[in-house]
Amino acid sequence: MDALFDTELVTIRRRRALQQPVEGADFLMKLAADELAERLSVVERSFDVAVELYGGTGATGEACLATGKIGMLRRIELPDAFARTDATVATAPLEILPLEPESANLILSPLSLHLTNDTPGVFIQARRALRPDGLFLAMIPGAGTLAELKDVLLQAETELYGGVSPRVIPFPDVRDVGALMQRAGFALPVVDAESRTVRYSSLFSLMRDLRGMGMTNPLVGRSRRPLTRAFFLRAAEIYAERYADPDGRIRATFAFINASGWAPHESQQKPLKPGSAKARLADALKGR
């Protein structure tokens, strides 16, 4: 399988983002932390051992601990620079989970599964690491994320260089994630999508946040040609022309896929077998 992402570069950029923080650039991680903690809070059970996968700042683990649903939290991160003294942290490559089979009751994955080359394999590893009736909760950047940026970068590159190269990574859609959940063997999978629009003063403010998140282009097939100031100035002009509001601020879309699923257990609700219904659909519809 050919690699799509340079996972070593992902690690380097995440480390740099941690070591050179940009004020306010962690807003997506805070959003993921709040969303996953809210979804966990409505689950009517507790989880003895939880694992946060590649959460970067640790915000998701902290928010989920605050729900009172978790006994012990472990974190798995890329570089050891992410480690804190208030949690058990293991470091591992992005696609290799150092988890024993049936070693966790809950696995949390905030904003990292869109960067894996063997995404089906990561889902399978997570499923195997869960104890029976264990829960998997993930928030994944989805299709539509940074669509405006992708458009203007392609246009600027075409104008200035007469060709294009991949500048924004491809993101999965809801159907992709749903299929991965089923393929990995999760029971009762639920997948939904939402999007947020964030406004910036200019393209340069958006790029500043993306660098601060460690989210700049990690594609193996990215162009190595240095981009000039003229390129970014033209891209900023196109962005303002196509995606600016009346007040001059530009829009950037961030789409998210929320996924949950359970490790199979005999106590879980099972779908009815074909032909087991006690009433015919045609009869129920006669009075309509």
C-alpha atoms as a PDB file:
ATOM      1  CA  MET A   1       0.000   0.000   0.000  1.00  0.00           C
ATOM      2  CA  ASP A   2       1.404   3.351  -1.027  1.00  0.00           C
ATOM      3  CA  ALA A   3       1.620   5.893   1.799  1.00  0.00           C
ATOM      4  CA  LEU A   4      -0.528   8.992   1.441  1.00  0.00           C
ATOM      5  CA  PHE A   5       0.747  10.804   4.523  1.00  0.00           C
ATOM      6  CA  ASP A   6       4.287  11.476   5.712  1.00  0.00           C
ATOM      7  CA  THR A   7       3.655  10.407   9.316  1.00  0.00           C
ATOM      8  CA  GLU A   8       7.141  11.442  10.410  1.00  0.00           C
ATOM      9  CA  LEU A   9       6.374  14.954   9.184  1.00  0.00           C
ATOM     10  CA  VAL A  10       3.071  14.880  11.076  1.00  0.00           C
ATOM     11  CA  THR A  11       5.024  14.168  14.259  1.00  0.00           C
ATOM     12  CA  ILE A  12       7.551  16.924  13.572  1.00  0.00           C
ATOM     13  CA  ARG A  13       4.845  19.508  12.970  1.00  0.00           C
ATOM     14  CA  ARG A  14       2.823  18.509  16.005  1.00  0.00           C
ATOM     15  CA  ARG A  15       5.932  18.765  18.153  1.00  0.00           C
ATOM     16  CA  ARG A  16       6.669  22.215  16.747  1.00  0.00           C
ATOM     17  CA  ALA A  17       3.086  23.307  17.384  1.00  0.00           C
ATOM     18  CA  LEU A  18       3.433  22.237  21.006  1.00  0.00           C
ATOM     19  CA  GLN A  19       6.818  23.846  21.521  1.00  0.00           C
ATOM     20  CA  GLN A  20       5.882  27.091  19.725  1.00  0.00           C
ATOM     21  CA  PRO A  21       2.254  27.601  20.706  1.00  0.00           C
ATOM     22  CA  VAL A  22       0.085  30.062  18.807  1.00  0.00           C
ATOM     23  CA  GLU A  23      -2.471  31.745  21.020  1.00  0.00           C
ATOM     24  CA  GLY A  24      -5.982  30.554  20.237  1.00  0.00           C
ATOM     25  CA  ALA A  25      -4.904  27.980  17.642  1.00  0.00           C
ATOM     26  CA  ASP A  26      -6.010  25.100  19.874  1.00  0.00           C
ATOM     27  CA  PHE A  27      -9.698  25.963  19.445  1.00  0.00           C
ATOM     28  CA  LEU A  28     -10.411  22.811  17.407  1.00  0.00           C
ATOM     29  CA  MET A  29      -8.934  20.580  20.105  1.00  0.00           C
ATOM     30  CA  LYS A  30     -11.084  22.348  22.688  1.00  0.00           C
ATOM     31  CA  LEU A  31     -14.112  21.850  20.467  1.00  0.00           C
ATOM     32  CA  ALA A  32     -13.337  18.133  20.137  1.00  0.00           C
ATOM     33  CA  ALA A  33     -12.817  17.846  23.891  1.00  0.00           C
ATOM     34  CA  ASP A  34     -16.192  19.448  24.647  1.00  0.00           C
ATOM     35  CA  GLU A  35     -18.015  17.362  22.032  1.00  0.00           C
ATOM     36  CA  LEU A  36     -16.583  14.004  23.117  1.00  0.00           C
ATOM     37  CA  ALA A  37     -17.074  14.810  26.809  1.00  0.00           C
ATOM     38  CA  GLU A  38     -20.700  15.742  26.165  1.00  0.00           C
ATOM     39  CA  ARG A  39     -21.338  12.499  24.299  1.00  0.00           C
ATOM     40  CA  LEU A  40     -19.659  10.525  27.057  1.00  0.00           C
ATOM     41  CA  SER A  41     -21.670  12.259  29.762  1.00  0.00           C
ATOM     42  CA  VAL A  42     -24.976  10.888  28.458  1.00  0.00           C
ATOM     43  CA  VAL A  43     -23.751   7.263  28.467  1.00  0.00           C
ATOM     44  CA  GLU A  44     -25.326   5.616  31.511  1.00  0.00           C
ATOM     45  CA  ARG A  45     -22.304   3.698  32.696  1.00  0.00           C
ATOM     46  CA  SER A  46     -18.726   4.187  33.908  1.00  0.00           C
ATOM     47  CA  PHE A  47     -15.421   3.073  32.389  1.00  0.00           C
ATOM     48  CA  ASP A  48     -12.580   1.787  34.548  1.00  0.00           C
ATOM     49  CA  VAL A  49      -9.776   2.284  32.012  1.00  0.00           C
ATOM     50  CA  ALA A  50      -9.893   4.911  29.255  1.00  0.00           C
ATOM     51  CA  VAL A  51      -7.333   5.674  26.557  1.00  0.00           C
ATOM     52  CA  GLU A  52      -6.961   8.955  24.678  1.00  0.00           C
ATOM     53  CA  LEU A  53      -5.373   8.438  21.241  1.00  0.00           C
ATOM     54  CA  TYR A  54      -3.081  11.195  19.935  1.00  0.00           C
ATOM     55  CA  GLY A  55      -5.010  14.033  21.556  1.00  0.00           C
ATOM     56  CA  GLY A  56      -2.033  16.379  21.474  1.00  0.00           C
ATOM     57  CA  THR A  57      -2.914  18.833  24.203  1.00  0.00           C
ATOM     58  CA  GLY A  58      -4.649  16.265  26.410  1.00  0.00           C
ATOM     59  CA  ALA A  59      -7.761  18.467  26.485  1.00  0.00           C
ATOM     60  CA  THR A  60     -10.100  15.626  25.527  1.00  0.00           C
ATOM     61  CA  GLY A  61      -8.849  13.343  28.263  1.00  0.00           C
ATOM     62  CA  GLU A  62      -9.179  16.102  30.844  1.00  0.00           C
ATOM     63  CA  ALA A  63     -12.705  17.016  29.741  1.00  0.00           C
ATOM     64  CA  CYS A  64     -13.815  13.395  29.781  1.00  0.00           C
ATOM     65  CA  LEU A  65     -12.271  12.808  33.220  1.00  0.00           C
ATOM     66  CA  ALA A  66     -14.326  15.748  34.466  1.00  0.00           C
ATOM     67  CA  THR A  67     -17.543  13.895  33.574  1.00  0.00           C
ATOM     68  CA  GLY A  68     -16.864  11.450  36.401  1.00  0.00           C
ATOM     69  CA  LYS A  69     -17.343   8.525  34.006  1.00  0.00           C
ATOM     70  CA  ILE A  70     -13.677   7.450  33.923  1.00  0.00           C
ATOM     71  CA  GLY A  71     -11.648   5.657  36.553  1.00  0.00           C
ATOM     72  CA  MET A  72      -8.133   5.802  35.074  1.00  0.00           C
ATOM     73  CA  LEU A  73      -6.936   7.625  31.947  1.00  0.00           C
ATOM     74  CA  ARG A  74      -4.001   6.616  29.746  1.00  0.00           C
ATOM     75  CA  ARG A  75      -2.718   8.725  26.877  1.00  0.00           C
ATOM     76  CA  ILE A  76      -0.948   7.644  23.703  1.00  0.00           C
ATOM     77  CA  GLU A  77       0.955  10.394  21.915  1.00  0.00           C
ATOM     78  CA  LEU A  78       3.417  10.849  19.070  1.00  0.00           C
ATOM     79  CA  PRO A  79       6.452  12.617  20.578  1.00  0.00           C
ATOM     80  CA  ASP A  80       7.223  12.485  24.272  1.00  0.00           C
ATOM     81  CA  ALA A  81       7.100  16.287  24.311  1.00  0.00           C
ATOM     82  CA  PHE A  82       3.339  15.886  24.751  1.00  0.00           C
ATOM     83  CA  ALA A  83       3.723  14.001  28.009  1.00  0.00           C
ATOM     84  CA  ARG A  84       2.462  15.587  31.203  1.00  0.00           C
ATOM     85  CA  THR A  85       3.022  14.567  34.786  1.00  0.00           C
ATOM     86  CA  ASP A  86      -0.726  14.262  35.502  1.00  0.00           C
ATOM     87  CA  ALA A  87      -1.407  11.311  33.195  1.00  0.00           C
ATOM     88  CA  THR A  88       0.071   7.996  32.157  1.00  0.00           C
ATOM     89  CA  VAL A  89       1.520   8.655  28.692  1.00  0.00           C
ATOM     90  CA  ALA A  90       2.976   6.236  26.165  1.00  0.00           C
ATOM     91  CA  THR A  91       4.515   7.305  22.877  1.00  0.00           C
ATOM     92  CA  ALA A  92       3.917   5.410  19.657  1.00  0.00           C
ATOM     93  CA  PRO A  93       3.823   5.947  15.892  1.00  0.00           C
ATOM     94  CA  LEU A  94       0.521   7.209  14.584  1.00  0.00           C
ATOM     95  CA  GLU A  95      -0.638   3.831  13.241  1.00  0.00           C
ATOM     96  CA  ILE A  96       0.642   1.417  15.892  1.00  0.00           C
ATOM     97  CA  LEU A  97      -1.405   1.338  19.085  1.00  0.00           C
ATOM     98  CA  PRO A  98       0.594  -0.058  22.048  1.00  0.00           C
ATOM     99  CA  LEU A  99      -2.503  -1.615  23.590  1.00  0.00           C
ATOM    100  CA  GLU A 100      -3.010  -5.199  24.685  1.00  0.00           C
ATOM    101  CA  PRO A 101      -6.184  -6.973  23.553  1.00  0.00           C
ATOM    102  CA  GLU A 102      -9.165  -6.206  25.781  1.00  0.00           C
ATOM    103  CA  SER A 103      -7.135  -3.778  27.907  1.00  0.00           C
ATOM    104  CA  ALA A 104      -9.460  -0.745  27.883  1.00  0.00           C
ATOM    105  CA  ASN A 105     -13.117   0.008  28.489  1.00  0.00           C
ATOM    106  CA  LEU A 106     -13.127   3.296  26.575  1.00  0.00           C
ATOM    107  CA  ILE A 107     -11.051   4.673  23.693  1.00  0.00           C
ATOM    108  CA  LEU A 108     -11.195   8.364  22.751  1.00  0.00           C
ATOM    109  CA  SER A 109      -9.848   9.619  19.430  1.00  0.00           C
ATOM    110  CA  PRO A 110      -9.906  13.404  18.916  1.00  0.00           C
ATOM    111  CA  LEU A 111      -8.881  14.739  15.482  1.00  0.00           C
ATOM    112  CA  SER A 112      -6.160  12.297  14.449  1.00  0.00           C
ATOM    113  CA  LEU A 113      -7.656   9.440  12.413  1.00  0.00           C
ATOM    114  CA  HIS A 114      -7.697  11.521   9.209  1.00  0.00           C
ATOM    115  CA  LEU A 115      -3.873  11.314   9.076  1.00  0.00           C
ATOM    116  CA  THR A 116      -3.392   7.539   9.056  1.00  0.00           C
ATOM    117  CA  ASN A 117      -2.275   5.607   5.994  1.00  0.00           C
ATOM    118  CA  ASP A 118      -3.733   2.312   7.236  1.00  0.00           C
ATOM    119  CA  THR A 119      -6.946   3.679   8.700  1.00  0.00           C
ATOM    120  CA  PRO A 120      -8.795   0.323   8.600  1.00  0.00           C
ATOM    121  CA  GLY A 121      -5.922  -1.201  10.561  1.00  0.00           C
ATOM    122  CA  VAL A 122      -6.100   1.501  13.238  1.00  0.00           C
ATOM    123  CA  PHE A 123      -9.851   0.981  13.661  1.00  0.00           C
ATOM    124  CA  ILE A 124      -9.285  -2.779  14.000  1.00  0.00           C
ATOM    125  CA  GLN A 125      -6.528  -2.244  16.581  1.00  0.00           C
ATOM    126  CA  ALA A 126      -8.819   0.026  18.602  1.00  0.00           C
ATOM    127  CA  ARG A 127     -11.650  -2.498  18.434  1.00  0.00           C
ATOM    128  CA  ARG A 128      -9.365  -5.334  19.616  1.00  0.00           C
ATOM    129  CA  ALA A 129      -8.056  -3.232  22.500  1.00  0.00           C
ATOM    130  CA  LEU A 130     -11.561  -2.809  23.910  1.00  0.00           C
ATOM    131  CA  ARG A 131     -13.002  -5.176  26.445  1.00  0.00           C
ATOM    132  CA  PRO A 132     -16.408  -6.635  25.601  1.00  0.00           C
ATOM    133  CA  ASP A 133     -19.021  -3.870  25.787  1.00  0.00           C
ATOM    134  CA  GLY A 134     -16.253  -1.246  25.678  1.00  0.00           C
ATOM    135  CA  LEU A 135     -16.924   2.055  23.907  1.00  0.00           C
ATOM    136  CA  PHE A 136     -15.059   3.815  21.085  1.00  0.00           C
ATOM    137  CA  LEU A 137     -15.655   7.558  20.605  1.00  0.00           C
ATOM    138  CA  ALA A 138     -13.986   9.515  17.810  1.00  0.00           C
ATOM    139  CA  MET A 139     -14.175  12.946  16.241  1.00  0.00           C
ATOM    140  CA  ILE A 140     -12.608  13.101  12.775  1.00  0.00           C
ATOM    141  CA  PRO A 141     -12.183  16.048  10.385  1.00  0.00           C
ATOM    142  CA  GLY A 142     -14.391  15.224   7.430  1.00  0.00           C
ATOM    143  CA  ALA A 143     -15.092  16.048   3.800  1.00  0.00           C
ATOM    144  CA  GLY A 144     -15.621  19.762   3.257  1.00  0.00           C
ATOM    145  CA  THR A 145     -12.931  20.812   5.722  1.00  0.00           C
ATOM    146  CA  LEU A 146     -10.886  23.714   4.318  1.00  0.00           C
ATOM    147  CA  ALA A 147     -12.731  23.480   0.988  1.00  0.00           C
ATOM    148  CA  GLU A 148     -12.303  27.220   0.448  1.00  0.00           C
ATOM    149  CA  LEU A 149      -8.557  27.066   1.057  1.00  0.00           C
ATOM    150  CA  LYS A 150      -8.173  24.138  -1.323  1.00  0.00           C
ATOM    151  CA  ASP A 151     -10.022  26.040  -4.037  1.00  0.00           C
ATOM    152  CA  VAL A 152      -7.993  29.238  -3.813  1.00  0.00           C
ATOM    153  CA  LEU A 153      -4.621  27.479  -3.569  1.00  0.00           C
ATOM    154  CA  LEU A 154      -5.384  25.457  -6.700  1.00  0.00           C
ATOM    155  CA  GLN A 155      -6.480  28.580  -8.547  1.00  0.00           C
ATOM    156  CA  ALA A 156      -3.420  30.592  -7.527  1.00  0.00           C
ATOM    157  CA  GLU A 157      -1.057  27.762  -8.453  1.00  0.00           C
ATOM    158  CA  THR A 158      -2.697  27.314 -11.834  1.00  0.00           C
ATOM    159  CA  GLU A 159      -2.387  31.016 -12.599  1.00  0.00           C
ATOM    160  CA  LEU A 160       1.220  31.401 -11.495  1.00  0.00           C
ATOM    161  CA  TYR A 161       2.763  28.025 -12.355  1.00  0.00           C
ATOM    162  CA  GLY A 162       0.482  26.537 -14.996  1.00  0.00           C
ATOM    163  CA  GLY A 163      -0.195  23.375 -12.988  1.00  0.00           C
ATOM    164  CA  VAL A 164      -1.337  22.125  -9.612  1.00  0.00           C
ATOM    165  CA  SER A 165      -0.108  19.904  -6.787  1.00  0.00           C
ATOM    166  CA  PRO A 166      -1.952  18.646  -3.681  1.00  0.00           C
ATOM    167  CA  ARG A 167      -2.034  21.427  -1.091  1.00  0.00           C
ATOM    168  CA  VAL A 168      -4.900  20.288   1.186  1.00  0.00           C
ATOM    169  CA  ILE A 169      -5.285  16.692   2.326  1.00  0.00           C
ATOM    170  CA  PRO A 170      -8.325  14.598   1.330  1.00  0.00           C
ATOM    171  CA  PHE A 171     -10.790  14.116   4.169  1.00  0.00           C
ATOM    172  CA  PRO A 172     -13.131  11.123   4.679  1.00  0.00           C
ATOM    173  CA  ASP A 173     -16.884  11.381   4.376  1.00  0.00           C
ATOM    174  CA  VAL A 174     -19.550   9.905   6.648  1.00  0.00           C
ATOM    175  CA  ARG A 175     -19.986   6.789   4.519  1.00  0.00           C
ATOM    176  CA  ASP A 176     -16.251   6.077   4.644  1.00  0.00           C
ATOM    177  CA  VAL A 177     -16.195   6.198   8.422  1.00  0.00           C
ATOM    178  CA  GLY A 178     -19.382   4.156   8.752  1.00  0.00           C
ATOM    179  CA  ALA A 179     -17.890   1.445   6.534  1.00  0.00           C
ATOM    180  CA  LEU A 180     -14.681   1.441   8.591  1.00  0.00           C
ATOM    181  CA  MET A 181     -16.646   0.991  11.817  1.00  0.00           C
ATOM    182  CA  GLN A 182     -18.489  -1.989  10.384  1.00  0.00           C
ATOM    183  CA  ARG A 183     -15.344  -3.488   8.873  1.00  0.00           C
ATOM    184  CA  ALA A 184     -13.564  -3.281  12.227  1.00  0.00           C
ATOM    185  CA  GLY A 185     -16.384  -5.209  13.900  1.00  0.00           C
ATOM    186  CA  PHE A 186     -17.920  -2.503  16.091  1.00  0.00           C
ATOM    187  CA  ALA A 187     -21.419  -3.204  17.328  1.00  0.00           C
ATOM    188  CA  LEU A 188     -24.193  -0.599  17.281  1.00  0.00           C
ATOM    189  CA  PRO A 189     -22.127   1.945  15.273  1.00  0.00           C
ATOM    190  CA  VAL A 190     -23.414   5.509  15.072  1.00  0.00           C
ATOM    191  CA  VAL A 191     -21.883   8.074  12.718  1.00  0.00           C
ATOM    192  CA  ASP A 192     -23.019  11.664  12.184  1.00  0.00           C
ATOM    193  CA  ALA A 193     -21.581  14.875  10.762  1.00  0.00           C
ATOM    194  CA  GLU A 194     -21.567  18.575  11.525  1.00  0.00           C
ATOM    195  CA  SER A 195     -19.669  21.598  10.280  1.00  0.00           C
ATOM    196  CA  ARG A 196     -18.479  24.893  11.696  1.00  0.00           C
ATOM    197  CA  THR A 197     -17.600  28.091   9.870  1.00  0.00           C
ATOM    198  CA  VAL A 198     -14.716  30.083  11.314  1.00  0.00           C
ATOM    199  CA  ARG A 199     -14.035  33.623  10.131  1.00  0.00           C
ATOM    200  CA  TYR A 200     -10.595  35.175   9.707  1.00  0.00           C
ATOM    201  CA  SER A 201      -9.262  38.587   8.827  1.00  0.00           C
ATOM    202  CA  SER A 202      -7.281  37.088   5.931  1.00  0.00           C
ATOM    203  CA  LEU A 203      -5.706  33.960   4.482  1.00  0.00           C
ATOM    204  CA  PHE A 204      -2.589  34.705   6.514  1.00  0.00           C
ATOM    205  CA  SER A 205      -4.508  34.493   9.799  1.00  0.00           C
ATOM    206  CA  LEU A 206      -5.927  31.129   8.753  1.00  0.00           C
ATOM    207  CA  MET A 207      -2.485  29.819   7.809  1.00  0.00           C
ATOM    208  CA  ARG A 208      -1.147  31.001  11.161  1.00  0.00           C
ATOM    209  CA  ASP A 209      -3.750  28.886  12.976  1.00  0.00           C
ATOM    210  CA  LEU A 210      -3.103  25.844  10.786  1.00  0.00           C
ATOM    211  CA  ARG A 211       0.623  26.018  11.589  1.00  0.00           C
ATOM    212  CA  GLY A 212      -0.268  26.442  15.251  1.00  0.00           C
ATOM    213  CA  MET A 213      -2.332  23.239  15.065  1.00  0.00           C
ATOM    214  CA  GLY A 214       0.407  21.310  13.261  1.00  0.00           C
ATOM    215  CA  MET A 215      -2.059  20.884  10.390  1.00  0.00           C
ATOM    216  CA  THR A 216      -0.067  22.105   7.406  1.00  0.00           C
ATOM    217  CA  ASN A 217       0.324  19.813   4.383  1.00  0.00           C
ATOM    218  CA  PRO A 218       1.812  16.377   5.328  1.00  0.00           C
ATOM    219  CA  LEU A 219       1.092  14.635   2.005  1.00  0.00           C
ATOM    220  CA  VAL A 220       3.839  12.423   0.606  1.00  0.00           C
ATOM    221  CA  GLY A 221       3.007  13.757  -2.851  1.00  0.00           C
ATOM    222  CA  ARG A 222       3.221  17.431  -1.858  1.00  0.00           C
ATOM    223  CA  SER A 223       5.261  19.737  -4.068  1.00  0.00           C
ATOM    224  CA  ARG A 224       8.744  20.522  -2.783  1.00  0.00           C
ATOM    225  CA  ARG A 225       8.847  23.768  -4.757  1.00  0.00           C
ATOM    226  CA  PRO A 226       9.231  26.719  -2.355  1.00  0.00           C
ATOM    227  CA  LEU A 227       6.178  28.962  -2.511  1.00  0.00           C
ATOM    228  CA  THR A 228       6.788  32.639  -3.075  1.00  0.00           C
ATOM    229  CA  ARG A 229       5.246  35.646  -1.418  1.00  0.00           C
ATOM    230  CA  ALA A 230       3.555  36.413  -4.740  1.00  0.00           C
ATOM    231  CA  PHE A 231       1.781  33.047  -4.555  1.00  0.00           C
ATOM    232  CA  PHE A 232       0.314  33.705  -1.117  1.00  0.00           C
ATOM    233  CA  LEU A 233      -0.632  37.279  -1.992  1.00  0.00           C
ATOM    234  CA  ARG A 234      -2.530  36.066  -5.046  1.00  0.00           C
ATOM    235  CA  ALA A 235      -4.180  33.273  -3.040  1.00  0.00           C
ATOM    236  CA  ALA A 236      -5.248  35.835  -0.422  1.00  0.00           C
ATOM    237  CA  GLU A 237      -6.779  38.001  -3.173  1.00  0.00           C
ATOM    238  CA  ILE A 238      -8.751  35.069  -4.592  1.00  0.00           C
ATOM    239  CA  TYR A 239      -9.910  34.065  -1.106  1.00  0.00           C
ATOM    240  CA  ALA A 240     -11.181  37.578  -0.430  1.00  0.00           C
ATOM    241  CA  GLU A 241     -12.937  37.691  -3.805  1.00  0.00           C
ATOM    242  CA  ARG A 242     -14.717  34.346  -3.426  1.00  0.00           C
ATOM    243  CA  TYR A 243     -15.240  33.717   0.267  1.00  0.00           C
ATOM    244  CA  ALA A 244     -15.405  37.036   2.097  1.00  0.00           C
ATOM    245  CA  ASP A 245     -18.411  38.353   4.005  1.00  0.00           C
ATOM    246  CA  PRO A 246     -19.576  41.973   3.585  1.00  0.00           C
ATOM    247  CA  ASP A 247     -17.324  43.035   6.465  1.00  0.00           C
ATOM    248  CA  GLY A 248     -14.263  41.717   4.597  1.00  0.00           C
ATOM    249  CA  ARG A 249     -13.601  38.707   6.818  1.00  0.00           C
ATOM    250  CA  ILE A 250     -13.104  35.372   5.062  1.00  0.00           C
ATOM    251  CA  ARG A 251     -14.822  32.069   5.853  1.00  0.00           C
ATOM    252  CA  ALA A 252     -13.149  28.722   6.539  1.00  0.00           C
ATOM    253  CA  THR A 253     -15.167  25.520   6.880  1.00  0.00           C
ATOM    254  CA  PHE A 254     -14.262  22.800   9.364  1.00  0.00           C
ATOM    255  CA  ALA A 255     -16.400  19.663   9.018  1.00  0.00           C
ATOM    256  CA  PHE A 256     -16.420  16.900  11.619  1.00  0.00           C
ATOM    257  CA  ILE A 257     -17.533  13.288  11.711  1.00  0.00           C
ATOM    258  CA  ASN A 258     -18.537  11.905  15.096  1.00  0.00           C
ATOM    259  CA  ALA A 259     -18.336   8.137  15.411  1.00  0.00           C
ATOM    260  CA  SER A 260     -19.199   5.765  18.230  1.00  0.00           C
ATOM    261  CA  GLY A 261     -19.310   2.003  18.476  1.00  0.00           C
ATOM    262  CA  TRP A 262     -19.119  -0.796  21.015  1.00  0.00           C
ATOM    263  CA  ALA A 263     -17.049  -3.925  21.316  1.00  0.00           C
ATOM    264  CA  PRO A 264     -19.576  -6.756  20.895  1.00  0.00           C
ATOM    265  CA  HIS A 265     -21.129  -8.262  24.009  1.00  0.00           C
ATOM    266  CA  GLU A 266     -23.963 -10.734  24.477  1.00  0.00           C
ATOM    267  CA  SER A 267     -25.985  -8.221  26.499  1.00  0.00           C
ATOM    268  CA  GLN A 268     -26.269  -5.776  23.610  1.00  0.00           C
ATOM    269  CA  GLN A 269     -29.442  -5.303  21.618  1.00  0.00           C
ATOM    270  CA  LYS A 270     -29.545  -7.502  18.519  1.00  0.00           C
ATOM    271  CA  PRO A 271     -31.314  -6.730  15.244  1.00  0.00           C
ATOM    272  CA  LEU A 272     -34.434  -8.786  14.578  1.00  0.00           C
ATOM    273  CA  LYS A 273     -34.056 -11.762  12.293  1.00  0.00           C
ATOM    274  CA  PRO A 274     -35.748 -11.524   8.894  1.00  0.00           C
ATOM    275  CA  GLY A 275     -39.347 -12.749   9.136  1.00  0.00           C
ATOM    276  CA  SER A 276     -39.557 -12.384  12.912  1.00  0.00           C
ATOM    277  CA  ALA A 277     -41.838  -9.331  12.890  1.00  0.00           C
ATOM    278  CA  LYS A 278     -45.212  -9.828  14.588  1.00  0.00           C
ATOM    279  CA  ALA A 279     -47.080  -7.439  12.284  1.00  0.00           C
ATOM    280  CA  ARG A 280     -46.967  -6.876   8.544  1.00  0.00           C
ATOM    281  CA  LEU A 281     -45.855  -3.470   7.272  1.00  0.00           C
ATOM    282  CA  ALA A 282     -48.627  -3.527   4.675  1.00  0.00           C
ATOM    283  CA  ASP A 283     -51.241  -3.893   7.431  1.00  0.00           C
ATOM    284  CA  ALA A 284     -49.794  -0.996   9.386  1.00  0.00           C
ATOM    285  CA  LEU A 285     -49.984   1.241   6.333  1.00  0.00           C
ATOM    286  CA  LYS A 286     -53.598   0.437   5.380  1.00  0.00           C
ATOM    287  CA  GLY A 287     -55.042   3.264   7.406  1.00  0.00           C
ATOM    288  CA  ARG A 288     -52.723   5.918   6.003  1.00  0.00           C
END
